[in-house]
Amino acid sequence: MSTFVSLLNFTDQGILNIKDSPDRFNAFKAMAEQMGISVKAVYYTVGSYDMVVIVEGDNELAIAALLKTGSLGNIRSQTLLGFSVDDMKQIIGKMP
């Protein structure tokens, strides 16, 4: 199971319909959970990004859920693969 950190920005369409954003997020969360993806956190932010969403699950399913959401036209995302401290210790332990 992998952790994905998605940095989201609203598109013109997304910001025009900002009042619907919490409902759109709830729809995303329901879809993700049906796919076996766990939504760990969501934050609306100010600054370079409008939202941060953290999900866990199978690589291909998580990416499919994020792509489906992006295809609706309300957000653009930049997604990062995240590792816990323990995961990073294991990765570092594999270095020659």
C-alpha atoms as a PDB file:
ATOM      1  CA  MET A   1       0.000   0.000   0.000  1.00  0.00           C
ATOM      2  CA  SER A   2       1.358   3.404  -0.974  1.00  0.00           C
ATOM      3  CA  THR A   3       0.768   6.912   0.307  1.00  0.00           C
ATOM      4  CA  PHE A   4       0.070   9.709  -2.166  1.00  0.00           C
ATOM      5  CA  VAL A   5       0.195  13.411  -1.342  1.00  0.00           C
ATOM      6  CA  SER A   6      -1.687  15.444  -3.940  1.00  0.00           C
ATOM      7  CA  LEU A   7      -1.242  19.189  -4.219  1.00  0.00           C
ATOM      8  CA  LEU A   8      -4.315  20.607  -5.935  1.00  0.00           C
ATOM      9  CA  ASN A   9      -5.140  23.859  -7.672  1.00  0.00           C
ATOM     10  CA  PHE A  10      -8.589  24.873  -8.794  1.00  0.00           C
ATOM     11  CA  THR A  11      -9.091  25.374 -12.506  1.00  0.00           C
ATOM     12  CA  ASP A  12     -11.163  28.323 -13.738  1.00  0.00           C
ATOM     13  CA  GLN A  13     -14.177  25.998 -13.686  1.00  0.00           C
ATOM     14  CA  GLY A  14     -13.365  24.829 -10.162  1.00  0.00           C
ATOM     15  CA  ILE A  15     -13.043  28.309  -8.705  1.00  0.00           C
ATOM     16  CA  LEU A  16     -16.219  29.494 -10.452  1.00  0.00           C
ATOM     17  CA  ASN A  17     -18.048  26.707  -8.621  1.00  0.00           C
ATOM     18  CA  ILE A  18     -16.104  26.953  -5.349  1.00  0.00           C
ATOM     19  CA  LYS A  19     -19.258  26.626  -3.256  1.00  0.00           C
ATOM     20  CA  ASP A  20     -19.597  23.074  -4.577  1.00  0.00           C
ATOM     21  CA  SER A  21     -16.047  22.135  -3.578  1.00  0.00           C
ATOM     22  CA  PRO A  22     -16.885  20.401  -0.268  1.00  0.00           C
ATOM     23  CA  ASP A  23     -19.553  18.324  -2.039  1.00  0.00           C
ATOM     24  CA  ARG A  24     -17.089  17.480  -4.830  1.00  0.00           C
ATOM     25  CA  PHE A  25     -14.587  16.343  -2.219  1.00  0.00           C
ATOM     26  CA  ASN A  26     -17.200  14.139  -0.526  1.00  0.00           C
ATOM     27  CA  ALA A  27     -18.008  12.582  -3.921  1.00  0.00           C
ATOM     28  CA  PHE A  28     -14.279  11.938  -4.477  1.00  0.00           C
ATOM     29  CA  LYS A  29     -13.958  10.363  -1.026  1.00  0.00           C
ATOM     30  CA  ALA A  30     -16.935   8.054  -1.641  1.00  0.00           C
ATOM     31  CA  MET A  31     -15.568   7.010  -5.053  1.00  0.00           C
ATOM     32  CA  ALA A  32     -12.077   6.421  -3.635  1.00  0.00           C
ATOM     33  CA  GLU A  33     -13.409   4.320  -0.765  1.00  0.00           C
ATOM     34  CA  GLN A  34     -15.466   2.193  -3.191  1.00  0.00           C
ATOM     35  CA  MET A  35     -12.214   1.555  -5.059  1.00  0.00           C
ATOM     36  CA  GLY A  36     -10.437   0.507  -1.848  1.00  0.00           C
ATOM     37  CA  ILE A  37      -8.525   3.793  -1.480  1.00  0.00           C
ATOM     38  CA  SER A  38      -8.369   5.363   1.974  1.00  0.00           C
ATOM     39  CA  VAL A  39      -8.543   9.168   2.196  1.00  0.00           C
ATOM     40  CA  LYS A  40      -6.323   9.990   5.158  1.00  0.00           C
ATOM     41  CA  ALA A  41      -6.565  13.793   5.165  1.00  0.00           C
ATOM     42  CA  VAL A  42      -7.735  16.808   3.231  1.00  0.00           C
ATOM     43  CA  TYR A  43      -6.841  20.436   3.815  1.00  0.00           C
ATOM     44  CA  TYR A  44      -7.931  23.588   2.048  1.00  0.00           C
ATOM     45  CA  THR A  45      -4.857  25.799   1.901  1.00  0.00           C
ATOM     46  CA  VAL A  46      -3.752  29.286   0.937  1.00  0.00           C
ATOM     47  CA  GLY A  47      -0.574  29.957  -0.964  1.00  0.00           C
ATOM     48  CA  SER A  48       0.719  28.074  -3.980  1.00  0.00           C
ATOM     49  CA  TYR A  49      -1.898  25.308  -3.713  1.00  0.00           C
ATOM     50  CA  ASP A  50      -5.619  25.356  -2.978  1.00  0.00           C
ATOM     51  CA  MET A  51      -5.894  21.908  -1.392  1.00  0.00           C
ATOM     52  CA  VAL A  52      -3.782  19.027  -0.119  1.00  0.00           C
ATOM     53  CA  VAL A  53      -5.241  15.508  -0.189  1.00  0.00           C
ATOM     54  CA  ILE A  54      -3.500  12.455   1.258  1.00  0.00           C
ATOM     55  CA  VAL A  55      -4.651   8.985   0.188  1.00  0.00           C
ATOM     56  CA  GLU A  56      -3.398   5.448   0.732  1.00  0.00           C
ATOM     57  CA  GLY A  57      -3.916   2.404  -1.403  1.00  0.00           C
ATOM     58  CA  ASP A  58      -2.883   0.340  -4.368  1.00  0.00           C
ATOM     59  CA  ASN A  59      -0.728   2.352  -6.801  1.00  0.00           C
ATOM     60  CA  GLU A  60      -2.828   1.834  -9.905  1.00  0.00           C
ATOM     61  CA  LEU A  61      -6.174   2.313  -8.152  1.00  0.00           C
ATOM     62  CA  ALA A  62      -5.045   5.492  -6.391  1.00  0.00           C
ATOM     63  CA  ILE A  63      -3.741   6.952  -9.640  1.00  0.00           C
ATOM     64  CA  ALA A  64      -6.965   5.969 -11.434  1.00  0.00           C
ATOM     65  CA  ALA A  65      -9.040   7.740  -8.757  1.00  0.00           C
ATOM     66  CA  LEU A  66      -6.913  10.888  -9.030  1.00  0.00           C
ATOM     67  CA  LEU A  67      -7.034  10.843 -12.838  1.00  0.00           C
ATOM     68  CA  LYS A  68     -10.821  10.402 -12.822  1.00  0.00           C
ATOM     69  CA  THR A  69     -11.168  13.383 -10.511  1.00  0.00           C
ATOM     70  CA  GLY A  70      -8.857  15.506 -12.661  1.00  0.00           C
ATOM     71  CA  SER A  71     -10.834  14.602 -15.769  1.00  0.00           C
ATOM     72  CA  LEU A  72     -13.894  16.348 -14.337  1.00  0.00           C
ATOM     73  CA  GLY A  73     -12.177  19.680 -14.940  1.00  0.00           C
ATOM     74  CA  ASN A  74     -12.307  21.320 -11.502  1.00  0.00           C
ATOM     75  CA  ILE A  75      -8.736  20.717 -10.360  1.00  0.00           C
ATOM     76  CA  ARG A  76      -5.199  20.184 -11.556  1.00  0.00           C
ATOM     77  CA  SER A  77      -2.968  18.085  -9.381  1.00  0.00           C
ATOM     78  CA  GLN A  78       0.638  17.407  -8.660  1.00  0.00           C
ATOM     79  CA  THR A  79       0.953  14.087  -6.848  1.00  0.00           C
ATOM     80  CA  LEU A  80       3.868  12.885  -4.777  1.00  0.00           C
ATOM     81  CA  LEU A  81       4.613   9.391  -3.499  1.00  0.00           C
ATOM     82  CA  GLY A  82       5.122   9.641   0.262  1.00  0.00           C
ATOM     83  CA  PHE A  83       7.110   7.480   2.668  1.00  0.00           C
ATOM     84  CA  SER A  84       6.897   7.210   6.456  1.00  0.00           C
ATOM     85  CA  VAL A  85      10.019   7.495   8.587  1.00  0.00           C
ATOM     86  CA  ASP A  86      10.017   3.718   9.076  1.00  0.00           C
ATOM     87  CA  ASP A  87       9.655   3.158   5.328  1.00  0.00           C
ATOM     88  CA  MET A  88      12.587   5.465   4.680  1.00  0.00           C
ATOM     89  CA  LYS A  89      14.716   3.620   7.243  1.00  0.00           C
ATOM     90  CA  GLN A  90      14.066   0.382   5.330  1.00  0.00           C
ATOM     91  CA  ILE A  91      14.870   2.040   1.996  1.00  0.00           C
ATOM     92  CA  ILE A  92      18.096   3.511   3.347  1.00  0.00           C
ATOM     93  CA  GLY A  93      18.959   0.107   4.813  1.00  0.00           C
ATOM     94  CA  LYS A  94      18.968  -1.336   1.298  1.00  0.00           C
ATOM     95  CA  MET A  95      21.668   1.026   0.101  1.00  0.00           C
ATOM     96  CA  PRO A  96      24.948  -0.683  -0.836  1.00  0.00           C
END
